[in-house]
Amino acid sequence: MLSGMSETPVKQSNTAAFYGQAVASFAVALAAVSVGIYSLDASGWIRAFLAISVLYLTTSAFTLAKVIRDRQEVGQIVSRVDQARIEKILAEHDPFKPVA
């Protein structure tokens, strides 16, 4: 690889349609569970427990997704730094330089 040319990874971006579908899917799922808990033939305490459980599960899922994304981004950054170091070493290397 020439020192002036480097491979820059293409930034991955989601389309607006995919983003909208994900938001809509989440909203429909949360609404369906909420309606199901509300219409459940059980006491208020049981419905409240189930509602709190759903909220806890939802926040835990968001946290897990963020942790996984952050770990992946750190791996990409380390990979880019290593690639830059290798490119620098290759650019500075002179194969015709006499051994001292």
Protein backbone atom coordinates (compact mmCIF):
# COMPACT_ATOMS: atom_id res chain seq x y z
CA MET A 1 0.00 0.00 0.00
CA LEU A 2 1.33 3.43 -0.89
CA SER A 3 1.76 5.90 1.94
CA GLY A 4 -0.44 8.50 0.27
CA MET A 5 -3.30 6.07 -0.18
CA SER A 6 -5.10 4.68 2.82
CA GLU A 7 -8.27 2.74 3.16
CA THR A 8 -10.79 4.71 5.13
CA PRO A 9 -13.74 2.68 6.32
CA VAL A 10 -17.10 3.84 5.05
CA LYS A 11 -19.22 5.17 7.88
CA GLN A 12 -22.25 2.97 8.19
CA SER A 13 -25.51 4.85 8.31
CA ASN A 14 -29.05 3.60 8.58
CA THR A 15 -31.70 4.82 6.19
CA ALA A 16 -34.60 6.92 7.41
CA ALA A 17 -36.97 4.07 6.55
CA PHE A 18 -35.04 1.60 8.70
CA TYR A 19 -34.92 4.07 11.58
CA GLY A 20 -38.66 4.72 11.26
CA GLN A 21 -39.41 1.01 11.15
CA ALA A 22 -37.36 0.40 14.29
CA VAL A 23 -39.08 3.22 16.18
CA ALA A 24 -42.53 2.10 15.02
CA SER A 25 -41.82 -1.51 15.95
CA PHE A 26 -40.69 -0.48 19.41
CA ALA A 27 -43.75 1.73 19.91
CA VAL A 28 -46.16 -1.00 18.77
CA ALA A 29 -44.53 -3.61 21.00
CA LEU A 30 -44.56 -1.32 24.04
CA ALA A 31 -48.19 -0.34 23.38
CA ALA A 32 -49.26 -3.97 22.95
CA VAL A 33 -47.63 -4.99 26.23
CA SER A 34 -49.13 -1.98 27.99
CA VAL A 35 -52.64 -2.80 26.72
CA GLY A 36 -52.14 -6.43 27.67
CA ILE A 37 -51.09 -5.56 31.21
CA TYR A 38 -53.91 -3.02 31.57
CA SER A 39 -56.60 -5.46 30.42
CA LEU A 40 -55.22 -8.33 32.51
CA ASP A 41 -57.74 -9.79 34.93
CA ALA A 42 -55.55 -9.37 37.99
CA SER A 43 -55.18 -7.07 40.95
CA GLY A 44 -53.55 -3.65 40.64
CA TRP A 45 -50.41 -4.84 42.42
CA ILE A 46 -49.81 -7.61 39.91
CA ARG A 47 -50.38 -5.26 36.95
CA ALA A 48 -48.05 -2.67 38.54
CA PHE A 49 -45.38 -5.34 39.05
CA LEU A 50 -45.64 -6.44 35.42
CA ALA A 51 -45.49 -2.83 34.20
CA ILE A 52 -42.36 -2.12 36.26
CA SER A 53 -40.84 -5.38 34.99
CA VAL A 54 -41.45 -4.35 31.37
CA LEU A 55 -39.90 -0.91 31.98
CA TYR A 56 -36.87 -2.51 33.65
CA LEU A 57 -36.46 -4.98 30.80
CA THR A 58 -36.74 -2.16 28.26
CA THR A 59 -34.08 0.01 29.94
CA SER A 60 -31.82 -3.02 30.33
CA ALA A 61 -32.14 -3.79 26.61
CA PHE A 62 -31.19 -0.20 25.72
CA THR A 63 -28.19 -0.35 28.06
CA LEU A 64 -27.05 -3.68 26.62
CA ALA A 65 -27.33 -2.34 23.05
CA LYS A 66 -25.28 0.74 23.99
CA VAL A 67 -22.57 -1.34 25.69
CA ILE A 68 -22.29 -3.64 22.66
CA ARG A 69 -22.12 -0.64 20.29
CA ASP A 70 -19.49 1.09 22.43
CA ARG A 71 -17.34 -2.06 22.54
CA GLN A 72 -17.57 -2.39 18.75
CA GLU A 73 -16.59 1.27 18.26
CA VAL A 74 -13.56 0.87 20.54
CA GLY A 75 -12.47 -2.14 18.50
CA GLN A 76 -12.75 -0.12 15.29
CA ILE A 77 -10.71 2.76 16.78
CA VAL A 78 -7.94 0.40 17.94
CA SER A 79 -7.90 -1.20 14.50
CA ARG A 80 -7.53 2.21 12.83
CA VAL A 81 -4.67 3.20 15.16
CA ASP A 82 -2.85 -0.06 14.47
CA GLN A 83 -3.36 0.40 10.72
CA ALA A 84 -1.99 3.96 10.91
CA ARG A 85 1.11 2.73 12.78
CA ILE A 86 1.76 0.06 10.19
CA GLU A 87 1.33 2.56 7.35
CA LYS A 88 3.78 4.94 9.04
CA ILE A 89 6.39 2.19 9.47
CA LEU A 90 5.98 1.13 5.84
CA ALA A 91 6.20 4.74 4.64
CA GLU A 92 9.40 5.36 6.60
CA HIS A 93 11.04 2.08 5.58
CA ASP A 94 13.70 2.39 2.88
CA PRO A 95 14.56 -1.06 1.46
CA PHE A 96 17.64 0.37 -0.31
CA LYS A 97 19.16 1.89 2.80
CA PRO A 98 22.51 0.21 3.61
CA VAL A 99 22.67 -1.67 6.89
CA ALA A 100 24.85 0.24 9.36
